[in-house]
Amino acid sequence: MFSASSLLPVPIPPSSFLYGFIGGAISYLSSRALSPLLTSTLGSSSFQRNVNSLDKAKRYHYHSLLPSTIHALIQIIGTYSFVFYGSGEESSSLSSSSSSVLSFDERTIVPYGTTHLGPSIYMGIFVGYLVTDVICAPSLSSMGYPFVLHHVAATICWTYCACYRVMQPVAMLLQFNELSTPLMNLRQMLLTAGYDSSGLSVTVSSVAFFVAFGMVRVAPLPSLVYNWIFRDYEAIRSAIGLGGAICLSLFFAVNALLQCGWFCIMCQKLMGMVAKEKPKAKKS
């Protein structure tokens, strides 16, 4: 008699992860459907004209702002306590090891955290959002290939980690990276509304996004990479094998390169803004 686990190349993920996946997909689809309604109801006539003038790809990105922001807020609220305070208990459901990457709590409801939903739930929400975002894109090129790579790599990695019950603390930290997303979306909303890209409102939101991105996405990378090379890689290799350790290493490389690449692009744009302001200051 065959079981589902015998037919799959990896173990089945915990039910809490699957609940989160379904919740993440439903949240994305419902908020995306709500975006046009809110735009037509709450948006001014000029704002609606700006949205309607967008081409198909840009309109897709605009209507992604609401689900993206809601998802980011869910992740920030859900992972904050875990990232900064941990589980707050010594539970038998958490594996004890010198490397925290082997800790994994698969419970749906937990006695710690802001929402008391288990961290595995938020891992599933993250994957459900990413998968649905790719499916809803009019084309991969309109979504942007770097974002497609990010979504696919993160989906595979998070699902793999959920199946083998590893890397949860790292996953929580990387999901908390969504702290920068609402600021990015605010900037895009201001631009869609017709605000000048060099105006005060857009400049403030751009600088705030730049600082938040650097703090939560780039600053932790040296520590994460160092710990992975000198501590966590060996623990993962011993727990799930060489193949799994290599796959997760590739994800780390992809994530680090993408985040650093995006940050370098932002640095270039910021230096360009400063360079433009210098001639204006001299004239005045």
C-alpha atoms as a PDB file:
ATOM      1  CA  MET A   1       0.000   0.000   0.000  1.00  0.00           C
ATOM      2  CA  PHE A   2       1.447   3.329  -1.106  1.00  0.00           C
ATOM      3  CA  SER A   3       1.323   6.483   0.987  1.00  0.00           C
ATOM      4  CA  ALA A   4       1.563  10.039  -0.315  1.00  0.00           C
ATOM      5  CA  SER A   5       4.966  10.433   1.281  1.00  0.00           C
ATOM      6  CA  SER A   6       6.333   7.405  -0.592  1.00  0.00           C
ATOM      7  CA  LEU A   7       5.345   8.925  -3.931  1.00  0.00           C
ATOM      8  CA  LEU A   8       6.938  12.326  -3.299  1.00  0.00           C
ATOM      9  CA  PRO A   9      10.691  13.006  -3.561  1.00  0.00           C
ATOM     10  CA  VAL A  10      10.516  15.112  -0.378  1.00  0.00           C
ATOM     11  CA  PRO A  11       8.463  14.838   2.817  1.00  0.00           C
ATOM     12  CA  ILE A  12       5.016  16.427   2.926  1.00  0.00           C
ATOM     13  CA  PRO A  13       5.038  19.971   4.378  1.00  0.00           C
ATOM     14  CA  PRO A  14       3.189  20.515   7.667  1.00  0.00           C
ATOM     15  CA  SER A  15      -0.542  21.250   7.527  1.00  0.00           C
ATOM     16  CA  SER A  16       0.098  24.702   9.012  1.00  0.00           C
ATOM     17  CA  PHE A  17       2.239  25.575   5.983  1.00  0.00           C
ATOM     18  CA  LEU A  18      -0.546  24.431   3.637  1.00  0.00           C
ATOM     19  CA  TYR A  19      -3.120  26.502   5.562  1.00  0.00           C
ATOM     20  CA  GLY A  20      -0.859  29.520   5.156  1.00  0.00           C
ATOM     21  CA  PHE A  21      -0.382  28.830   1.448  1.00  0.00           C
ATOM     22  CA  ILE A  22      -4.144  28.789   0.874  1.00  0.00           C
ATOM     23  CA  GLY A  23      -4.569  31.931   2.978  1.00  0.00           C
ATOM     24  CA  GLY A  24      -1.802  33.732   1.092  1.00  0.00           C
ATOM     25  CA  ALA A  25      -3.331  32.872  -2.288  1.00  0.00           C
ATOM     26  CA  ILE A  26      -6.844  33.916  -1.208  1.00  0.00           C
ATOM     27  CA  SER A  27      -5.529  37.160   0.289  1.00  0.00           C
ATOM     28  CA  TYR A  28      -3.686  37.999  -2.921  1.00  0.00           C
ATOM     29  CA  LEU A  29      -6.626  37.257  -5.238  1.00  0.00           C
ATOM     30  CA  SER A  30      -9.218  39.062  -3.092  1.00  0.00           C
ATOM     31  CA  SER A  31      -7.093  42.185  -2.573  1.00  0.00           C
ATOM     32  CA  ARG A  32      -6.158  42.274  -6.244  1.00  0.00           C
ATOM     33  CA  ALA A  33      -9.840  42.103  -7.194  1.00  0.00           C
ATOM     34  CA  LEU A  34     -10.526  44.870  -4.671  1.00  0.00           C
ATOM     35  CA  SER A  35      -7.896  47.217  -6.116  1.00  0.00           C
ATOM     36  CA  PRO A  36      -9.887  48.354  -9.217  1.00  0.00           C
ATOM     37  CA  LEU A  37     -12.993  48.836  -7.064  1.00  0.00           C
ATOM     38  CA  LEU A  38     -11.141  51.021  -4.564  1.00  0.00           C
ATOM     39  CA  THR A  39      -9.516  52.989  -7.382  1.00  0.00           C
ATOM     40  CA  SER A  40     -12.856  53.765  -9.030  1.00  0.00           C
ATOM     41  CA  THR A  41     -14.558  54.508  -5.696  1.00  0.00           C
ATOM     42  CA  LEU A  42     -11.917  56.454  -3.785  1.00  0.00           C
ATOM     43  CA  GLY A  43      -9.622  57.759  -6.503  1.00  0.00           C
ATOM     44  CA  SER A  44     -10.006  61.255  -7.866  1.00  0.00           C
ATOM     45  CA  SER A  45     -10.898  61.696 -11.545  1.00  0.00           C
ATOM     46  CA  SER A  46      -7.323  62.705 -12.369  1.00  0.00           C
ATOM     47  CA  PHE A  47      -5.942  59.694 -10.495  1.00  0.00           C
ATOM     48  CA  GLN A  48      -8.319  57.364 -12.346  1.00  0.00           C
ATOM     49  CA  ARG A  49      -7.234  58.888 -15.661  1.00  0.00           C
ATOM     50  CA  ASN A  50      -3.598  58.261 -14.760  1.00  0.00           C
ATOM     51  CA  VAL A  51      -4.350  54.625 -13.925  1.00  0.00           C
ATOM     52  CA  ASN A  52      -6.395  54.089 -17.088  1.00  0.00           C
ATOM     53  CA  SER A  53      -3.594  55.571 -19.202  1.00  0.00           C
ATOM     54  CA  LEU A  54      -1.143  52.923 -17.991  1.00  0.00           C
ATOM     55  CA  ASP A  55      -0.260  50.142 -20.404  1.00  0.00           C
ATOM     56  CA  LYS A  56      -1.114  46.536 -19.547  1.00  0.00           C
ATOM     57  CA  ALA A  57       2.178  45.775 -17.795  1.00  0.00           C
ATOM     58  CA  LYS A  58       2.167  48.958 -15.703  1.00  0.00           C
ATOM     59  CA  ARG A  59      -1.491  48.492 -14.820  1.00  0.00           C
ATOM     60  CA  TYR A  60      -0.647  44.997 -13.591  1.00  0.00           C
ATOM     61  CA  HIS A  61       2.055  46.476 -11.361  1.00  0.00           C
ATOM     62  CA  TYR A  62      -0.317  49.158 -10.086  1.00  0.00           C
ATOM     63  CA  HIS A  63      -2.997  46.660  -9.084  1.00  0.00           C
ATOM     64  CA  SER A  64      -0.275  44.581  -7.403  1.00  0.00           C
ATOM     65  CA  LEU A  65       0.385  47.395  -4.939  1.00  0.00           C
ATOM     66  CA  LEU A  66      -2.587  46.600  -2.688  1.00  0.00           C
ATOM     67  CA  PRO A  67      -1.958  42.834  -2.348  1.00  0.00           C
ATOM     68  CA  SER A  68       1.758  43.536  -1.963  1.00  0.00           C
ATOM     69  CA  THR A  69       1.143  46.025   0.849  1.00  0.00           C
ATOM     70  CA  ILE A  70      -1.352  43.799   2.659  1.00  0.00           C
ATOM     71  CA  HIS A  71       0.999  40.835   2.410  1.00  0.00           C
ATOM     72  CA  ALA A  72       3.902  42.936   3.698  1.00  0.00           C
ATOM     73  CA  LEU A  73       1.895  44.100   6.715  1.00  0.00           C
ATOM     74  CA  ILE A  74       0.862  40.513   7.483  1.00  0.00           C
ATOM     75  CA  GLN A  75       4.498  39.395   7.385  1.00  0.00           C
ATOM     76  CA  ILE A  76       5.750  42.322   9.475  1.00  0.00           C
ATOM     77  CA  ILE A  77       3.135  41.753  12.199  1.00  0.00           C
ATOM     78  CA  GLY A  78       3.489  37.987  12.084  1.00  0.00           C
ATOM     79  CA  THR A  79       7.281  37.692  12.103  1.00  0.00           C
ATOM     80  CA  TYR A  80       8.277  40.671  14.266  1.00  0.00           C
ATOM     81  CA  SER A  81       7.981  38.865  17.593  1.00  0.00           C
ATOM     82  CA  PHE A  82       9.701  35.736  16.316  1.00  0.00           C
ATOM     83  CA  VAL A  83      12.615  37.665  14.782  1.00  0.00           C
ATOM     84  CA  PHE A  84      13.326  39.830  17.829  1.00  0.00           C
ATOM     85  CA  TYR A  85      12.214  37.613  20.717  1.00  0.00           C
ATOM     86  CA  GLY A  86      12.139  34.052  19.390  1.00  0.00           C
ATOM     87  CA  SER A  87       9.537  31.574  20.564  1.00  0.00           C
ATOM     88  CA  GLY A  88       9.804  32.702  24.185  1.00  0.00           C
ATOM     89  CA  GLU A  89       9.674  29.120  25.368  1.00  0.00           C
ATOM     90  CA  GLU A  90      11.581  25.872  25.355  1.00  0.00           C
ATOM     91  CA  SER A  91       9.180  23.585  23.564  1.00  0.00           C
ATOM     92  CA  SER A  92       9.526  19.943  22.666  1.00  0.00           C
ATOM     93  CA  SER A  93       8.276  20.867  19.202  1.00  0.00           C
ATOM     94  CA  LEU A  94      11.453  22.880  18.642  1.00  0.00           C
ATOM     95  CA  SER A  95      14.560  20.904  17.847  1.00  0.00           C
ATOM     96  CA  SER A  96      17.497  21.723  20.085  1.00  0.00           C
ATOM     97  CA  SER A  97      20.796  22.220  18.272  1.00  0.00           C
ATOM     98  CA  SER A  98      23.863  24.381  18.299  1.00  0.00           C
ATOM     99  CA  SER A  99      22.641  25.742  14.968  1.00  0.00           C
ATOM    100  CA  SER A 100      19.282  27.500  15.127  1.00  0.00           C
ATOM    101  CA  VAL A 101      18.580  26.634  11.486  1.00  0.00           C
ATOM    102  CA  LEU A 102      17.445  23.197  12.661  1.00  0.00           C
ATOM    103  CA  SER A 103      14.689  24.738  14.820  1.00  0.00           C
ATOM    104  CA  PHE A 104      11.211  24.379  13.363  1.00  0.00           C
ATOM    105  CA  ASP A 105       7.795  24.810  14.963  1.00  0.00           C
ATOM    106  CA  GLU A 106       5.089  23.331  12.755  1.00  0.00           C
ATOM    107  CA  ARG A 107       2.142  24.054  15.078  1.00  0.00           C
ATOM    108  CA  THR A 108      -0.724  26.123  13.703  1.00  0.00           C
ATOM    109  CA  ILE A 109      -1.460  27.899  16.981  1.00  0.00           C
ATOM    110  CA  VAL A 110       1.423  28.744  19.335  1.00  0.00           C
ATOM    111  CA  PRO A 111       1.577  30.340  22.806  1.00  0.00           C
ATOM    112  CA  TYR A 112       3.928  33.118  21.664  1.00  0.00           C
ATOM    113  CA  GLY A 113       4.019  35.898  19.080  1.00  0.00           C
ATOM    114  CA  THR A 114       1.735  38.816  18.276  1.00  0.00           C
ATOM    115  CA  THR A 115      -0.972  36.778  16.539  1.00  0.00           C
ATOM    116  CA  HIS A 116      -0.335  33.338  18.116  1.00  0.00           C
ATOM    117  CA  LEU A 117      -0.255  31.865  14.614  1.00  0.00           C
ATOM    118  CA  GLY A 118       2.746  29.581  14.170  1.00  0.00           C
ATOM    119  CA  PRO A 119       5.732  30.664  12.062  1.00  0.00           C
ATOM    120  CA  SER A 120       5.006  27.843   9.615  1.00  0.00           C
ATOM    121  CA  ILE A 121       1.718  29.606   8.798  1.00  0.00           C
ATOM    122  CA  TYR A 122       3.614  32.722   7.725  1.00  0.00           C
ATOM    123  CA  MET A 123       6.025  30.687   5.636  1.00  0.00           C
ATOM    124  CA  GLY A 124       3.014  29.257   3.790  1.00  0.00           C
ATOM    125  CA  ILE A 125       1.441  32.704   3.351  1.00  0.00           C
ATOM    126  CA  PHE A 126       4.718  33.916   1.837  1.00  0.00           C
ATOM    127  CA  VAL A 127       4.818  31.073  -0.695  1.00  0.00           C
ATOM    128  CA  GLY A 128       1.106  31.373  -1.510  1.00  0.00           C
ATOM    129  CA  TYR A 129       1.573  35.058  -2.265  1.00  0.00           C
ATOM    130  CA  LEU A 130       4.631  34.494  -4.468  1.00  0.00           C
ATOM    131  CA  VAL A 131       3.051  31.699  -6.513  1.00  0.00           C
ATOM    132  CA  THR A 132      -0.189  33.613  -7.073  1.00  0.00           C
ATOM    133  CA  ASP A 133       1.708  36.778  -8.034  1.00  0.00           C
ATOM    134  CA  VAL A 134       3.557  34.908 -10.779  1.00  0.00           C
ATOM    135  CA  ILE A 135       0.395  33.190 -12.033  1.00  0.00           C
ATOM    136  CA  CYS A 136      -1.511  36.495 -12.239  1.00  0.00           C
ATOM    137  CA  ALA A 137       1.243  38.279 -14.188  1.00  0.00           C
ATOM    138  CA  PRO A 138       0.239  38.949 -17.831  1.00  0.00           C
ATOM    139  CA  SER A 139       3.692  37.713 -18.851  1.00  0.00           C
ATOM    140  CA  LEU A 140       7.020  36.952 -17.233  1.00  0.00           C
ATOM    141  CA  SER A 141       8.667  39.846 -19.059  1.00  0.00           C
ATOM    142  CA  SER A 142       6.078  42.336 -17.799  1.00  0.00           C
ATOM    143  CA  MET A 143       6.664  41.124 -14.255  1.00  0.00           C
ATOM    144  CA  GLY A 144      10.407  41.476 -14.703  1.00  0.00           C
ATOM    145  CA  TYR A 145      12.748  38.507 -14.913  1.00  0.00           C
ATOM    146  CA  PRO A 146      14.683  39.391 -11.724  1.00  0.00           C
ATOM    147  CA  PHE A 147      11.384  39.333  -9.797  1.00  0.00           C
ATOM    148  CA  VAL A 148      10.415  36.053 -11.448  1.00  0.00           C
ATOM    149  CA  LEU A 149      13.764  34.591 -10.402  1.00  0.00           C
ATOM    150  CA  HIS A 150      13.270  35.905  -6.864  1.00  0.00           C
ATOM    151  CA  HIS A 151       9.738  34.474  -6.608  1.00  0.00           C
ATOM    152  CA  VAL A 152      10.632  31.066  -8.043  1.00  0.00           C
ATOM    153  CA  ALA A 153      13.815  30.678  -5.966  1.00  0.00           C
ATOM    154  CA  ALA A 154      12.069  31.738  -2.740  1.00  0.00           C
ATOM    155  CA  THR A 155       9.088  29.464  -3.436  1.00  0.00           C
ATOM    156  CA  ILE A 156      11.303  26.431  -3.950  1.00  0.00           C
ATOM    157  CA  CYS A 157      13.476  27.249  -0.951  1.00  0.00           C
ATOM    158  CA  TRP A 158      10.635  27.963   1.513  1.00  0.00           C
ATOM    159  CA  THR A 159       8.711  24.858   0.428  1.00  0.00           C
ATOM    160  CA  TYR A 160      11.838  22.708   0.666  1.00  0.00           C
ATOM    161  CA  CYS A 161      12.578  24.058   4.146  1.00  0.00           C
ATOM    162  CA  ALA A 162       8.982  23.430   5.240  1.00  0.00           C
ATOM    163  CA  CYS A 163       9.102  19.869   3.967  1.00  0.00           C
ATOM    164  CA  TYR A 164      12.328  19.091   5.831  1.00  0.00           C
ATOM    165  CA  ARG A 165      11.475  21.258   8.872  1.00  0.00           C
ATOM    166  CA  VAL A 166      14.631  23.386   8.768  1.00  0.00           C
ATOM    167  CA  MET A 167      15.726  27.030   8.366  1.00  0.00           C
ATOM    168  CA  GLN A 168      12.666  28.567  10.033  1.00  0.00           C
ATOM    169  CA  PRO A 169      14.557  31.304  11.957  1.00  0.00           C
ATOM    170  CA  VAL A 170      16.259  32.422   8.738  1.00  0.00           C
ATOM    171  CA  ALA A 171      12.946  32.321   6.874  1.00  0.00           C
ATOM    172  CA  MET A 172      11.337  34.557   9.512  1.00  0.00           C
ATOM    173  CA  LEU A 173      14.161  37.083   9.225  1.00  0.00           C
ATOM    174  CA  LEU A 174      13.950  37.194   5.439  1.00  0.00           C
ATOM    175  CA  GLN A 175      10.151  37.516   5.561  1.00  0.00           C
ATOM    176  CA  PHE A 176      10.553  40.468   7.936  1.00  0.00           C
ATOM    177  CA  ASN A 177      12.410  42.090   5.026  1.00  0.00           C
ATOM    178  CA  GLU A 178       8.935  43.044   3.807  1.00  0.00           C
ATOM    179  CA  LEU A 179       9.261  46.030   6.150  1.00  0.00           C
ATOM    180  CA  SER A 180      10.604  48.008   3.184  1.00  0.00           C
ATOM    181  CA  THR A 181       7.769  47.046   0.809  1.00  0.00           C
ATOM    182  CA  PRO A 182       5.038  49.478   1.984  1.00  0.00           C
ATOM    183  CA  LEU A 183       7.464  52.374   1.537  1.00  0.00           C
ATOM    184  CA  MET A 184       8.270  51.256  -2.002  1.00  0.00           C
ATOM    185  CA  ASN A 185       4.550  50.966  -2.765  1.00  0.00           C
ATOM    186  CA  LEU A 186       3.864  54.403  -1.285  1.00  0.00           C
ATOM    187  CA  ARG A 187       6.461  55.894  -3.610  1.00  0.00           C
ATOM    188  CA  GLN A 188       4.878  54.164  -6.613  1.00  0.00           C
ATOM    189  CA  MET A 189       1.413  55.331  -5.588  1.00  0.00           C
ATOM    190  CA  LEU A 190       2.622  58.930  -5.404  1.00  0.00           C
ATOM    191  CA  LEU A 191       4.145  58.663  -8.870  1.00  0.00           C
ATOM    192  CA  THR A 192       0.929  57.161 -10.249  1.00  0.00           C
ATOM    193  CA  ALA A 193      -1.000  60.047  -8.707  1.00  0.00           C
ATOM    194  CA  GLY A 194       1.145  62.453 -10.739  1.00  0.00           C
ATOM    195  CA  TYR A 195       3.568  63.730  -8.121  1.00  0.00           C
ATOM    196  CA  ASP A 196       6.886  64.959  -9.503  1.00  0.00           C
ATOM    197  CA  SER A 197       9.646  62.383  -9.031  1.00  0.00           C
ATOM    198  CA  SER A 198      11.914  65.164  -7.746  1.00  0.00           C
ATOM    199  CA  GLY A 199       9.241  66.661  -5.483  1.00  0.00           C
ATOM    200  CA  LEU A 200       9.413  66.588  -1.701  1.00  0.00           C
ATOM    201  CA  SER A 201       6.825  63.822  -1.163  1.00  0.00           C
ATOM    202  CA  VAL A 202       8.420  61.381  -3.593  1.00  0.00           C
ATOM    203  CA  THR A 203      11.931  62.259  -2.414  1.00  0.00           C
ATOM    204  CA  VAL A 204      11.055  61.603   1.239  1.00  0.00           C
ATOM    205  CA  SER A 205       9.386  58.279   0.414  1.00  0.00           C
ATOM    206  CA  SER A 206      12.337  57.302  -1.805  1.00  0.00           C
ATOM    207  CA  VAL A 207      14.893  58.035   0.911  1.00  0.00           C
ATOM    208  CA  ALA A 208      12.784  56.222   3.532  1.00  0.00           C
ATOM    209  CA  PHE A 209      12.524  53.190   1.248  1.00  0.00           C
ATOM    210  CA  PHE A 210      16.257  53.301   0.537  1.00  0.00           C
ATOM    211  CA  VAL A 211      17.117  53.362   4.249  1.00  0.00           C
ATOM    212  CA  ALA A 212      14.625  50.618   5.147  1.00  0.00           C
ATOM    213  CA  PHE A 213      15.800  48.417   2.268  1.00  0.00           C
ATOM    214  CA  GLY A 214      19.414  48.798   3.324  1.00  0.00           C
ATOM    215  CA  MET A 215      18.652  48.087   6.983  1.00  0.00           C
ATOM    216  CA  VAL A 216      16.454  44.996   6.653  1.00  0.00           C
ATOM    217  CA  ARG A 217      17.551  43.453   3.354  1.00  0.00           C
ATOM    218  CA  VAL A 218      21.229  44.276   2.880  1.00  0.00           C
ATOM    219  CA  ALA A 219      22.728  44.884   6.349  1.00  0.00           C
ATOM    220  CA  PRO A 220      21.931  41.345   7.659  1.00  0.00           C
ATOM    221  CA  LEU A 221      23.474  39.622   4.622  1.00  0.00           C
ATOM    222  CA  PRO A 222      27.132  39.538   5.817  1.00  0.00           C
ATOM    223  CA  SER A 223      26.096  37.884   9.089  1.00  0.00           C
ATOM    224  CA  LEU A 224      23.771  35.429   7.332  1.00  0.00           C
ATOM    225  CA  VAL A 225      26.412  34.434   4.796  1.00  0.00           C
ATOM    226  CA  TYR A 226      29.114  34.120   7.468  1.00  0.00           C
ATOM    227  CA  ASN A 227      26.921  31.925   9.682  1.00  0.00           C
ATOM    228  CA  TRP A 228      25.919  29.822   6.700  1.00  0.00           C
ATOM    229  CA  ILE A 229      29.492  29.139   5.639  1.00  0.00           C
ATOM    230  CA  PHE A 230      31.004  28.509   9.059  1.00  0.00           C
ATOM    231  CA  ARG A 231      28.102  26.976  11.026  1.00  0.00           C
ATOM    232  CA  ASP A 232      24.766  26.413   9.342  1.00  0.00           C
ATOM    233  CA  TYR A 233      25.860  24.679   6.136  1.00  0.00           C
ATOM    234  CA  GLU A 234      27.378  21.755   8.002  1.00  0.00           C
ATOM    235  CA  ALA A 235      24.326  21.462  10.269  1.00  0.00           C
ATOM    236  CA  ILE A 236      21.999  21.387   7.242  1.00  0.00           C
ATOM    237  CA  ARG A 237      24.214  18.915   5.379  1.00  0.00           C
ATOM    238  CA  SER A 238      24.153  16.581   8.350  1.00  0.00           C
ATOM    239  CA  ALA A 239      20.375  16.938   8.736  1.00  0.00           C
ATOM    240  CA  ILE A 240      19.086  16.656   5.159  1.00  0.00           C
ATOM    241  CA  GLY A 241      22.084  15.672   3.060  1.00  0.00           C
ATOM    242  CA  LEU A 242      24.543  17.225   0.655  1.00  0.00           C
ATOM    243  CA  GLY A 243      21.972  17.845  -2.099  1.00  0.00           C
ATOM    244  CA  GLY A 244      19.729  19.856   0.204  1.00  0.00           C
ATOM    245  CA  ALA A 245      22.645  21.880   1.541  1.00  0.00           C
ATOM    246  CA  ILE A 246      23.771  22.712  -2.011  1.00  0.00           C
ATOM    247  CA  CYS A 247      20.223  23.746  -3.045  1.00  0.00           C
ATOM    248  CA  LEU A 248      19.879  26.064  -0.066  1.00  0.00           C
ATOM    249  CA  SER A 249      23.351  27.468  -0.740  1.00  0.00           C
ATOM    250  CA  LEU A 250      22.243  28.357  -4.257  1.00  0.00           C
ATOM    251  CA  PHE A 251      19.195  30.133  -2.852  1.00  0.00           C
ATOM    252  CA  PHE A 252      21.400  32.147  -0.512  1.00  0.00           C
ATOM    253  CA  ALA A 253      23.573  33.147  -3.452  1.00  0.00           C
ATOM    254  CA  VAL A 254      20.562  34.136  -5.610  1.00  0.00           C
ATOM    255  CA  ASN A 255      18.951  36.124  -2.787  1.00  0.00           C
ATOM    256  CA  ALA A 256      22.168  37.926  -1.844  1.00  0.00           C
ATOM    257  CA  LEU A 257      22.957  38.830  -5.458  1.00  0.00           C
ATOM    258  CA  LEU A 258      19.438  40.103  -6.162  1.00  0.00           C
ATOM    259  CA  GLN A 259      19.196  42.181  -2.984  1.00  0.00           C
ATOM    260  CA  CYS A 260      22.677  43.673  -3.458  1.00  0.00           C
ATOM    261  CA  GLY A 261      21.977  44.286  -7.136  1.00  0.00           C
ATOM    262  CA  TRP A 262      18.748  46.160  -6.408  1.00  0.00           C
ATOM    263  CA  PHE A 263      20.468  48.130  -3.661  1.00  0.00           C
ATOM    264  CA  CYS A 264      23.282  49.132  -6.033  1.00  0.00           C
ATOM    265  CA  ILE A 265      20.698  50.364  -8.551  1.00  0.00           C
ATOM    266  CA  MET A 266      19.085  52.461  -5.808  1.00  0.00           C
ATOM    267  CA  CYS A 267      22.485  53.857  -4.824  1.00  0.00           C
ATOM    268  CA  GLN A 268      23.109  54.896  -8.427  1.00  0.00           C
ATOM    269  CA  LYS A 269      19.731  56.634  -8.616  1.00  0.00           C
ATOM    270  CA  LEU A 270      20.330  58.360  -5.289  1.00  0.00           C
ATOM    271  CA  MET A 271      23.736  59.628  -6.441  1.00  0.00           C
ATOM    272  CA  GLY A 272      22.086  60.845  -9.642  1.00  0.00           C
ATOM    273  CA  MET A 273      19.520  62.794  -7.612  1.00  0.00           C
ATOM    274  CA  VAL A 274      22.290  64.383  -5.529  1.00  0.00           C
ATOM    275  CA  ALA A 275      24.270  65.245  -8.653  1.00  0.00           C
ATOM    276  CA  LYS A 276      21.226  67.018 -10.138  1.00  0.00           C
ATOM    277  CA  GLU A 277      20.695  69.046  -6.989  1.00  0.00           C
ATOM    278  CA  LYS A 278      24.260  70.430  -6.903  1.00  0.00           C
ATOM    279  CA  PRO A 279      23.948  72.592 -10.053  1.00  0.00           C
ATOM    280  CA  LYS A 280      20.613  73.941  -8.737  1.00  0.00           C
ATOM    281  CA  ALA A 281      22.251  74.896  -5.436  1.00  0.00           C
ATOM    282  CA  LYS A 282      25.082  76.687  -7.216  1.00  0.00           C
ATOM    283  CA  LYS A 283      22.651  78.687  -9.361  1.00  0.00           C
ATOM    284  CA  SER A 284      20.652  79.784  -6.342  1.00  0.00           C
END
